Amino acid sequence: MANASRQAAWEFWGTELKRRREDAGLTQEALGQRVFVSGGYIGQFEQAIRKPQLDVAVRIDEVLQSDGFFERMWRKLIDASGFTDYFAATAELEALATKICDSDPVLVPGLLQTGAYSRAVMVATHPFTSDAELDGWVTARLERAEILKSPARPMYWAIIHEHALRTPVGGPDCMAQQLDHVAALAHSRHVLIQVVPYAQGAYAGMAKPMRLMEFEDAPPTFYTEGMFWGQLLDEPAMVKRAQATYDLLRAAALSPEASRSLIESAAESYRTT
C-alpha cells in the first residue's frame, strides 16, 4: 500500500472513529478517559495526525461496541506498512517529529543503515525468510530514512557504541560502505552522531536501544525495544527519566568531531582487511 493510500485509510479510520464516538454521545475527553488516553489524543486520532497503538484500538472497540472494526483495520494498515506491530506506530510518528534522538548499544540505528547492512541484520535474525519478504523489509527501512534528506527533516541525534563500528555485519565491504555512509551524513550536518568508546566502560542506557521524539503540537515520546517486543510511551514522568538517561549517554560519548574521526578510521580498517 503506497504511503498516500495508507494515509487516506488512516483518515478514514479517524473519520469513522469520530462518527461512532458522536453516535455514542461521547466527547473526545469522555472517550479518552475510557480508553486511558487524553481527549486531545482522540482528536489527533480522528484527524489522522497520530496513529493509536493496538491496545488503544482494542479498547475503542470495546467502548464503542464496534465489533472489532478498529482493531481489524489497524492490523490491516500495520501489515501494509512493512513494519512489525510493535514498531509501526513509532515509524508513523517519525514523519511528524521535529527532533529524534536515537541510541543503540549494538547496531547502527535504522535511519542510518544502508540497504546491504540492513539486509545482513535481517538475514541473521530471520534466516528462513524469503528474498521477496526481505526485500520488502529493507525497502521499508530505506524509505524511512528519506526523512533525513527532506528540507523539513527533523533534528536527528544518534549515539552508538564503538561495538557497532567493530562488528563486521555483512563483511568488510558492507561495513566500509555503511560507515562511509554514516560519516558522509555527519559531514553534511544532516545528523549529529556521537560514539561511546570501549574505554568508557559502563554507561547509562547500555542495556537497550532507545529513542526520544519531539513534536510541534504533541507531547514527546519515548520508545525502547527488546527481542520481538517494543514499547512506545508518552507518560511525562517516564519521558523525563528517559531524557535524563540520554543526557548521561551524551556525556559518556566522544565529541561529534572525535566520533567522526573514529568512524572514518574504522571504515578504513575494513578496506585494509
C-alpha atoms as a PDB file:
ATOM      1  CA  MET A   1       0.000   0.000   0.000  1.00  0.00           C
ATOM      2  CA  ALA A   2       1.525   3.342  -1.033  1.00  0.00           C
ATOM      3  CA  ASN A   3       2.094   5.993   1.622  1.00  0.00           C
ATOM      4  CA  ALA A   4      -0.645   8.260   0.233  1.00  0.00           C
ATOM      5  CA  SER A   5      -3.158   5.422   0.167  1.00  0.00           C
ATOM      6  CA  ARG A   6      -2.241   4.352   3.682  1.00  0.00           C
ATOM      7  CA  GLN A   7      -2.650   7.913   4.942  1.00  0.00           C
ATOM      8  CA  ALA A   8      -6.081   8.092   3.293  1.00  0.00           C
ATOM      9  CA  ALA A   9      -7.001   4.854   5.052  1.00  0.00           C
ATOM     10  CA  TRP A  10      -5.890   6.266   8.412  1.00  0.00           C
ATOM     11  CA  GLU A  11      -8.000   9.356   7.689  1.00  0.00           C
ATOM     12  CA  PHE A  12     -10.984   7.042   7.113  1.00  0.00           C
ATOM     13  CA  TRP A  13     -10.151   5.300  10.415  1.00  0.00           C
ATOM     14  CA  GLY A  14     -10.257   8.690  12.131  1.00  0.00           C
ATOM     15  CA  THR A  15     -13.464   9.785  10.424  1.00  0.00           C
ATOM     16  CA  GLU A  16     -15.157   6.545  11.406  1.00  0.00           C
ATOM     17  CA  LEU A  17     -13.938   6.957  14.988  1.00  0.00           C
ATOM     18  CA  LYS A  18     -15.446  10.430  15.162  1.00  0.00           C
ATOM     19  CA  ARG A  19     -18.760   9.252  13.686  1.00  0.00           C
ATOM     20  CA  ARG A  20     -19.120   6.322  16.053  1.00  0.00           C
ATOM     21  CA  ARG A  21     -17.985   8.363  19.062  1.00  0.00           C
ATOM     22  CA  GLU A  22     -20.602  11.033  18.353  1.00  0.00           C
ATOM     23  CA  ASP A  23     -23.271   8.372  17.757  1.00  0.00           C
ATOM     24  CA  ALA A  24     -22.431   7.035  21.216  1.00  0.00           C
ATOM     25  CA  GLY A  25     -22.910  10.529  22.681  1.00  0.00           C
ATOM     26  CA  LEU A  26     -19.311  10.773  23.891  1.00  0.00           C
ATOM     27  CA  THR A  27     -16.995  13.758  23.803  1.00  0.00           C
ATOM     28  CA  GLN A  28     -13.345  13.272  22.893  1.00  0.00           C
ATOM     29  CA  GLU A  29     -12.472  13.710  26.568  1.00  0.00           C
ATOM     30  CA  ALA A  30     -15.055  11.160  27.693  1.00  0.00           C
ATOM     31  CA  LEU A  31     -13.858   8.532  25.216  1.00  0.00           C
ATOM     32  CA  GLY A  32     -10.262   9.265  26.126  1.00  0.00           C
ATOM     33  CA  GLN A  33     -10.944   8.637  29.797  1.00  0.00           C
ATOM     34  CA  ARG A  34     -12.471   5.258  29.000  1.00  0.00           C
ATOM     35  CA  VAL A  35      -9.568   4.096  26.827  1.00  0.00           C
ATOM     36  CA  PHE A  36      -6.864   5.644  29.049  1.00  0.00           C
ATOM     37  CA  VAL A  37      -5.591   8.402  26.744  1.00  0.00           C
ATOM     38  CA  SER A  38      -6.238  12.134  26.720  1.00  0.00           C
ATOM     39  CA  GLY A  39      -9.121  13.736  24.859  1.00  0.00           C
ATOM     40  CA  GLY A  40      -6.501  15.558  22.793  1.00  0.00           C
ATOM     41  CA  TYR A  41      -5.156  12.216  21.609  1.00  0.00           C
ATOM     42  CA  ILE A  42      -8.625  11.140  20.500  1.00  0.00           C
ATOM     43  CA  GLY A  43      -8.786  14.344  18.461  1.00  0.00           C
ATOM     44  CA  GLN A  44      -5.408  13.589  16.877  1.00  0.00           C
ATOM     45  CA  PHE A  45      -6.542  10.045  16.044  1.00  0.00           C
ATOM     46  CA  GLU A  46      -9.668  11.453  14.399  1.00  0.00           C
ATOM     47  CA  GLN A  47      -7.577  13.852  12.298  1.00  0.00           C
ATOM     48  CA  ALA A  48      -5.043  11.094  11.455  1.00  0.00           C
ATOM     49  CA  ILE A  49      -2.274  13.213  12.979  1.00  0.00           C
ATOM     50  CA  ARG A  50      -1.257  10.363  15.262  1.00  0.00           C
ATOM     51  CA  LYS A  51      -1.875   6.652  14.988  1.00  0.00           C
ATOM     52  CA  PRO A  52      -3.092   4.701  18.017  1.00  0.00           C
ATOM     53  CA  GLN A  53      -1.353   1.693  19.443  1.00  0.00           C
ATOM     54  CA  LEU A  54      -3.060  -1.669  19.168  1.00  0.00           C
ATOM     55  CA  ASP A  55      -4.232  -1.813  22.783  1.00  0.00           C
ATOM     56  CA  VAL A  56      -5.960   1.568  22.352  1.00  0.00           C
ATOM     57  CA  ALA A  57      -7.718   0.386  19.175  1.00  0.00           C
ATOM     58  CA  VAL A  58      -8.942  -2.697  21.049  1.00  0.00           C
ATOM     59  CA  ARG A  59     -10.276  -0.599  23.942  1.00  0.00           C
ATOM     60  CA  ILE A  60     -12.027   1.753  21.499  1.00  0.00           C
ATOM     61  CA  ASP A  61     -13.845  -1.245  20.018  1.00  0.00           C
ATOM     62  CA  GLU A  62     -14.902  -2.330  23.499  1.00  0.00           C
ATOM     63  CA  VAL A  63     -16.212   1.109  24.496  1.00  0.00           C
ATOM     64  CA  LEU A  64     -17.953   1.871  21.181  1.00  0.00           C
ATOM     65  CA  GLN A  65     -19.124  -1.747  20.747  1.00  0.00           C
ATOM     66  CA  SER A  66     -17.825  -1.693  17.177  1.00  0.00           C
ATOM     67  CA  ASP A  67     -17.358  -5.468  16.882  1.00  0.00           C
ATOM     68  CA  GLY A  68     -13.584  -5.298  16.379  1.00  0.00           C
ATOM     69  CA  PHE A  69     -13.739  -2.831  13.466  1.00  0.00           C
ATOM     70  CA  PHE A  70     -10.953  -0.547  14.689  1.00  0.00           C
ATOM     71  CA  GLU A  71      -8.659  -3.422  15.662  1.00  0.00           C
ATOM     72  CA  ARG A  72      -9.152  -5.196  12.308  1.00  0.00           C
ATOM     73  CA  MET A  73      -8.490  -2.047  10.305  1.00  0.00           C
ATOM     74  CA  TRP A  74      -5.480  -1.197  12.489  1.00  0.00           C
ATOM     75  CA  ARG A  75      -3.983  -4.629  11.820  1.00  0.00           C
ATOM     76  CA  LYS A  76      -4.579  -4.311   8.082  1.00  0.00           C
ATOM     77  CA  LEU A  77      -2.889  -0.905   7.952  1.00  0.00           C
ATOM     78  CA  ILE A  78       0.052  -2.086  10.055  1.00  0.00           C
ATOM     79  CA  ASP A  79       0.528  -5.179   7.889  1.00  0.00           C
ATOM     80  CA  ALA A  80       0.602  -2.892   4.841  1.00  0.00           C
ATOM     81  CA  SER A  81       3.186  -0.612   6.446  1.00  0.00           C
ATOM     82  CA  GLY A  82       6.034  -3.141   6.234  1.00  0.00           C
ATOM     83  CA  PHE A  83       6.802  -2.867   9.972  1.00  0.00           C
ATOM     84  CA  THR A  84       6.247  -5.146  12.927  1.00  0.00           C
ATOM     85  CA  ASP A  85       3.182  -4.428  15.072  1.00  0.00           C
ATOM     86  CA  TYR A  86       5.169  -3.062  17.988  1.00  0.00           C
ATOM     87  CA  PHE A  87       7.237  -0.640  15.874  1.00  0.00           C
ATOM     88  CA  ALA A  88       4.658   0.532  13.341  1.00  0.00           C
ATOM     89  CA  ALA A  89       3.245   3.393  15.435  1.00  0.00           C
ATOM     90  CA  THR A  90       6.774   4.667  16.105  1.00  0.00           C
ATOM     91  CA  ALA A  91       7.612   4.552  12.396  1.00  0.00           C
ATOM     92  CA  GLU A  92       4.480   6.548  11.612  1.00  0.00           C
ATOM     93  CA  LEU A  93       5.471   9.223  14.150  1.00  0.00           C
ATOM     94  CA  GLU A  94       8.907   9.728  12.591  1.00  0.00           C
ATOM     95  CA  ALA A  95       7.415  11.742   9.763  1.00  0.00           C
ATOM     96  CA  LEU A  96       5.838  14.144  12.281  1.00  0.00           C
ATOM     97  CA  ALA A  97       8.805  14.569  14.614  1.00  0.00           C
ATOM     98  CA  THR A  98      10.733  17.817  14.873  1.00  0.00           C
ATOM     99  CA  LYS A  99      13.545  16.106  16.797  1.00  0.00           C
ATOM    100  CA  ILE A 100      14.656  12.469  17.061  1.00  0.00           C
ATOM    101  CA  CYS A 101      17.316  11.208  19.468  1.00  0.00           C
ATOM    102  CA  ASP A 102      18.420   7.603  18.914  1.00  0.00           C
ATOM    103  CA  SER A 103      20.872   5.385  20.718  1.00  0.00           C
ATOM    104  CA  ASP A 104      21.894   1.785  20.120  1.00  0.00           C
ATOM    105  CA  PRO A 105      24.427  -0.272  22.080  1.00  0.00           C
ATOM    106  CA  VAL A 106      24.947  -2.882  19.355  1.00  0.00           C
ATOM    107  CA  LEU A 107      23.903  -1.747  15.866  1.00  0.00           C
ATOM    108  CA  VAL A 108      23.933   1.290  13.614  1.00  0.00           C
ATOM    109  CA  PRO A 109      20.424   2.810  14.131  1.00  0.00           C
ATOM    110  CA  GLY A 110      17.862   2.025  11.436  1.00  0.00           C
ATOM    111  CA  LEU A 111      17.642   5.541   9.979  1.00  0.00           C
ATOM    112  CA  LEU A 112      21.391   5.459   9.297  1.00  0.00           C
ATOM    113  CA  GLN A 113      21.577   1.969   7.787  1.00  0.00           C
ATOM    114  CA  THR A 114      22.467   1.150   4.194  1.00  0.00           C
ATOM    115  CA  GLY A 115      20.460  -1.467   2.323  1.00  0.00           C
ATOM    116  CA  ALA A 116      23.244  -4.049   2.488  1.00  0.00           C
ATOM    117  CA  TYR A 117      23.789  -3.594   6.230  1.00  0.00           C
ATOM    118  CA  SER A 118      20.061  -3.696   6.939  1.00  0.00           C
ATOM    119  CA  ARG A 119      19.644  -6.861   4.915  1.00  0.00           C
ATOM    120  CA  ALA A 120      22.549  -8.575   6.704  1.00  0.00           C
ATOM    121  CA  VAL A 121      20.971  -7.796  10.082  1.00  0.00           C
ATOM    122  CA  MET A 122      17.595  -9.106   8.954  1.00  0.00           C
ATOM    123  CA  VAL A 123      19.016 -12.298   7.446  1.00  0.00           C
ATOM    124  CA  ALA A 124      20.837 -13.029  10.704  1.00  0.00           C
ATOM    125  CA  THR A 125      17.588 -12.656  12.644  1.00  0.00           C
ATOM    126  CA  HIS A 126      15.290 -14.341  10.085  1.00  0.00           C
ATOM    127  CA  PRO A 127      17.439 -16.904   8.212  1.00  0.00           C
ATOM    128  CA  PHE A 128      14.477 -18.737   6.685  1.00  0.00           C
ATOM    129  CA  THR A 129      12.674 -15.661   5.329  1.00  0.00           C
ATOM    130  CA  SER A 130      12.193 -15.420   1.552  1.00  0.00           C
ATOM    131  CA  ASP A 131      14.185 -12.945  -0.531  1.00  0.00           C
ATOM    132  CA  ALA A 132      10.954 -11.201  -1.528  1.00  0.00           C
ATOM    133  CA  GLU A 133       9.961 -10.569   2.076  1.00  0.00           C
ATOM    134  CA  LEU A 134      13.468  -9.417   2.964  1.00  0.00           C
ATOM    135  CA  ASP A 135      13.382  -7.014   0.016  1.00  0.00           C
ATOM    136  CA  GLY A 136      10.159  -5.545   1.370  1.00  0.00           C
ATOM    137  CA  TRP A 137      11.604  -5.047   4.838  1.00  0.00           C
ATOM    138  CA  VAL A 138      14.761  -3.423   3.514  1.00  0.00           C
ATOM    139  CA  THR A 139      12.772  -1.120   1.222  1.00  0.00           C
ATOM    140  CA  ALA A 140      10.559  -0.050   4.129  1.00  0.00           C
ATOM    141  CA  ARG A 141      13.624   0.784   6.224  1.00  0.00           C
ATOM    142  CA  LEU A 142      15.284   2.789   3.439  1.00  0.00           C
ATOM    143  CA  GLU A 143      12.042   4.686   2.809  1.00  0.00           C
ATOM    144  CA  ARG A 144      12.002   5.687   6.470  1.00  0.00           C
ATOM    145  CA  ALA A 145      15.485   7.154   6.106  1.00  0.00           C
ATOM    146  CA  GLU A 146      14.260   9.531   3.398  1.00  0.00           C
ATOM    147  CA  ILE A 147      13.092  11.898   6.137  1.00  0.00           C
ATOM    148  CA  LEU A 148      16.749  12.789   6.774  1.00  0.00           C
ATOM    149  CA  LYS A 149      17.009  14.148   3.219  1.00  0.00           C
ATOM    150  CA  SER A 150      13.871  16.251   3.384  1.00  0.00           C
ATOM    151  CA  PRO A 151      14.098  20.064   3.704  1.00  0.00           C
ATOM    152  CA  ALA A 152      11.719  19.669   6.647  1.00  0.00           C
ATOM    153  CA  ARG A 153      13.829  16.913   8.192  1.00  0.00           C
ATOM    154  CA  PRO A 154      13.817  16.588  11.978  1.00  0.00           C
ATOM    155  CA  MET A 155      16.858  17.416  14.062  1.00  0.00           C
ATOM    156  CA  TYR A 156      18.446  13.975  14.328  1.00  0.00           C
ATOM    157  CA  TRP A 157      20.943  12.987  17.024  1.00  0.00           C
ATOM    158  CA  ALA A 158      22.341   9.431  17.198  1.00  0.00           C
ATOM    159  CA  ILE A 159      24.623   7.904  19.806  1.00  0.00           C
ATOM    160  CA  ILE A 160      26.121   4.494  19.058  1.00  0.00           C
ATOM    161  CA  HIS A 161      28.650   2.324  20.819  1.00  0.00           C
ATOM    162  CA  GLU A 162      32.030   1.506  19.311  1.00  0.00           C
ATOM    163  CA  HIS A 163      30.840  -2.106  19.287  1.00  0.00           C
ATOM    164  CA  ALA A 164      28.629  -1.202  16.325  1.00  0.00           C
ATOM    165  CA  LEU A 165      31.686   0.030  14.414  1.00  0.00           C
ATOM    166  CA  ARG A 166      33.786  -3.064  15.114  1.00  0.00           C
ATOM    167  CA  THR A 167      31.248  -5.835  14.462  1.00  0.00           C
ATOM    168  CA  PRO A 168      31.630  -6.800  10.754  1.00  0.00           C
ATOM    169  CA  VAL A 169      27.944  -7.036   9.870  1.00  0.00           C
ATOM    170  CA  GLY A 170      27.721  -8.296   6.280  1.00  0.00           C
ATOM    171  CA  GLY A 171      31.515  -8.486   5.945  1.00  0.00           C
ATOM    172  CA  PRO A 172      34.280  -5.909   5.433  1.00  0.00           C
ATOM    173  CA  ASP A 173      32.913  -4.341   2.229  1.00  0.00           C
ATOM    174  CA  CYS A 174      29.435  -3.936   3.705  1.00  0.00           C
ATOM    175  CA  MET A 175      30.834  -2.342   6.863  1.00  0.00           C
ATOM    176  CA  ALA A 176      33.149   0.026   4.981  1.00  0.00           C
ATOM    177  CA  GLN A 177      30.188   1.256   2.922  1.00  0.00           C
ATOM    178  CA  GLN A 178      27.980   1.532   5.998  1.00  0.00           C
ATOM    179  CA  LEU A 179      30.493   3.584   7.959  1.00  0.00           C
ATOM    180  CA  ASP A 180      31.280   5.746   4.926  1.00  0.00           C
ATOM    181  CA  HIS A 181      27.547   6.456   4.723  1.00  0.00           C
ATOM    182  CA  VAL A 182      27.358   7.453   8.393  1.00  0.00           C
ATOM    183  CA  ALA A 183      30.456   9.656   8.095  1.00  0.00           C
ATOM    184  CA  ALA A 184      29.043  11.354   4.989  1.00  0.00           C
ATOM    185  CA  LEU A 185      25.793  12.152   6.799  1.00  0.00           C
ATOM    186  CA  ALA A 186      27.764  13.591   9.692  1.00  0.00           C
ATOM    187  CA  HIS A 187      29.891  15.716   7.337  1.00  0.00           C
ATOM    188  CA  SER A 188      26.740  17.039   5.636  1.00  0.00           C
ATOM    189  CA  ARG A 189      25.463  18.174   9.034  1.00  0.00           C
ATOM    190  CA  HIS A 190      22.139  16.490   8.328  1.00  0.00           C
ATOM    191  CA  VAL A 191      22.665  14.490  11.509  1.00  0.00           C
ATOM    192  CA  LEU A 192      24.734  14.703  14.678  1.00  0.00           C
ATOM    193  CA  ILE A 193      26.478  11.464  15.647  1.00  0.00           C
ATOM    194  CA  GLN A 194      28.468  10.529  18.728  1.00  0.00           C
ATOM    195  CA  VAL A 195      30.236   7.288  19.613  1.00  0.00           C
ATOM    196  CA  VAL A 196      30.657   5.803  23.064  1.00  0.00           C
ATOM    197  CA  PRO A 197      34.172   4.253  23.040  1.00  0.00           C
ATOM    198  CA  TYR A 198      35.064   0.878  24.533  1.00  0.00           C
ATOM    199  CA  ALA A 199      37.325   2.706  27.003  1.00  0.00           C
ATOM    200  CA  GLN A 200      34.280   4.356  28.590  1.00  0.00           C
ATOM    201  CA  GLY A 201      33.286   1.101  30.270  1.00  0.00           C
ATOM    202  CA  ALA A 202      29.801   1.128  31.807  1.00  0.00           C
ATOM    203  CA  TYR A 203      27.481   3.924  30.682  1.00  0.00           C
ATOM    204  CA  ALA A 204      23.869   4.998  31.055  1.00  0.00           C
ATOM    205  CA  GLY A 205      21.401   3.319  28.736  1.00  0.00           C
ATOM    206  CA  MET A 206      23.768   0.497  27.814  1.00  0.00           C
ATOM    207  CA  ALA A 207      21.178  -2.276  28.083  1.00  0.00           C
ATOM    208  CA  LYS A 208      18.740  -1.439  25.282  1.00  0.00           C
ATOM    209  CA  PRO A 209      18.236   0.870  22.303  1.00  0.00           C
ATOM    210  CA  MET A 210      16.165   3.947  22.980  1.00  0.00           C
ATOM    211  CA  ARG A 211      14.525   6.728  21.012  1.00  0.00           C
ATOM    212  CA  LEU A 212      13.125  10.088  22.073  1.00  0.00           C
ATOM    213  CA  MET A 213      10.900  12.080  19.704  1.00  0.00           C
ATOM    214  CA  GLU A 214       9.587  15.624  19.988  1.00  0.00           C
ATOM    215  CA  PHE A 215       6.721  17.185  18.013  1.00  0.00           C
ATOM    216  CA  GLU A 216       5.349  20.606  17.183  1.00  0.00           C
ATOM    217  CA  ASP A 217       1.870  20.091  18.628  1.00  0.00           C
ATOM    218  CA  ALA A 218       2.024  16.893  20.657  1.00  0.00           C
ATOM    219  CA  PRO A 219       3.776  15.568  23.767  1.00  0.00           C
ATOM    220  CA  PRO A 220       7.211  13.954  23.371  1.00  0.00           C
ATOM    221  CA  THR A 221       7.507  10.165  23.277  1.00  0.00           C
ATOM    222  CA  PHE A 222       9.982   7.527  24.404  1.00  0.00           C
ATOM    223  CA  TYR A 223      10.454   4.200  22.619  1.00  0.00           C
ATOM    224  CA  THR A 224      12.560   1.203  23.569  1.00  0.00           C
ATOM    225  CA  GLU A 225      12.609  -2.404  22.484  1.00  0.00           C
ATOM    226  CA  GLY A 226      13.992  -5.862  23.112  1.00  0.00           C
ATOM    227  CA  MET A 227      13.838  -9.093  21.151  1.00  0.00           C
ATOM    228  CA  PHE A 228      10.401  -9.283  19.478  1.00  0.00           C
ATOM    229  CA  TRP A 229       8.847  -6.511  21.559  1.00  0.00           C
ATOM    230  CA  GLY A 230       8.782  -2.752  21.689  1.00  0.00           C
ATOM    231  CA  GLN A 231       7.111  -0.089  23.829  1.00  0.00           C
ATOM    232  CA  LEU A 232       6.123   3.450  22.905  1.00  0.00           C
ATOM    233  CA  LEU A 233       5.425   5.694  25.913  1.00  0.00           C
ATOM    234  CA  ASP A 234       4.363   9.307  26.339  1.00  0.00           C
ATOM    235  CA  GLU A 235       3.764   9.377  30.094  1.00  0.00           C
ATOM    236  CA  PRO A 236       5.569  12.591  31.143  1.00  0.00           C
ATOM    237  CA  ALA A 237       7.477  11.128  34.105  1.00  0.00           C
ATOM    238  CA  MET A 238       8.783   8.229  32.022  1.00  0.00           C
ATOM    239  CA  VAL A 239       9.805  10.510  29.141  1.00  0.00           C
ATOM    240  CA  LYS A 240      11.606  12.774  31.626  1.00  0.00           C
ATOM    241  CA  ARG A 241      13.568   9.812  33.019  1.00  0.00           C
ATOM    242  CA  ALA A 242      14.470   8.679  29.503  1.00  0.00           C
ATOM    243  CA  GLN A 243      15.677  12.176  28.636  1.00  0.00           C
ATOM    244  CA  ALA A 244      17.889  12.217  31.740  1.00  0.00           C
ATOM    245  CA  THR A 245      19.378   8.879  30.679  1.00  0.00           C
ATOM    246  CA  TYR A 246      20.056  10.235  27.205  1.00  0.00           C
ATOM    247  CA  ASP A 247      21.780  13.283  28.703  1.00  0.00           C
ATOM    248  CA  LEU A 248      24.098  10.976  30.656  1.00  0.00           C
ATOM    249  CA  LEU A 249      24.718   8.993  27.487  1.00  0.00           C
ATOM    250  CA  ARG A 250      25.761  12.172  25.662  1.00  0.00           C
ATOM    251  CA  ALA A 251      28.193  12.926  28.458  1.00  0.00           C
ATOM    252  CA  ALA A 252      29.794   9.474  28.105  1.00  0.00           C
ATOM    253  CA  ALA A 253      30.260   9.776  24.339  1.00  0.00           C
ATOM    254  CA  LEU A 254      33.107  11.281  22.348  1.00  0.00           C
ATOM    255  CA  SER A 255      32.593  14.709  20.787  1.00  0.00           C
ATOM    256  CA  PRO A 256      30.992  14.754  17.331  1.00  0.00           C
ATOM    257  CA  GLU A 257      34.376  15.553  15.744  1.00  0.00           C
ATOM    258  CA  ALA A 258      36.228  12.769  17.581  1.00  0.00           C
ATOM    259  CA  SER A 259      33.349  10.400  16.837  1.00  0.00           C
ATOM    260  CA  ARG A 260      33.525  11.143  13.119  1.00  0.00           C
ATOM    261  CA  SER A 261      37.267  10.500  13.120  1.00  0.00           C
ATOM    262  CA  LEU A 262      36.726   7.156  14.850  1.00  0.00           C
ATOM    263  CA  ILE A 263      34.017   6.191  12.342  1.00  0.00           C
ATOM    264  CA  GLU A 264      36.266   7.084   9.406  1.00  0.00           C
ATOM    265  CA  SER A 265      39.175   5.188  10.922  1.00  0.00           C
ATOM    266  CA  ALA A 266      37.002   2.105  11.417  1.00  0.00           C
ATOM    267  CA  ALA A 267      35.788   2.327   7.808  1.00  0.00           C
ATOM    268  CA  GLU A 268      39.383   2.462   6.581  1.00  0.00           C
ATOM    269  CA  SER A 269      40.323  -0.553   8.671  1.00  0.00           C
ATOM    270  CA  TYR A 270      37.692  -2.630   6.841  1.00  0.00           C
ATOM    271  CA  ARG A 271      39.162  -1.616   3.487  1.00  0.00           C
ATOM    272  CA  THR A 272      42.588  -2.891   4.537  1.00  0.00           C
ATOM    273  CA  THR A 273      41.320  -6.167   5.969  1.00  0.00           C
END
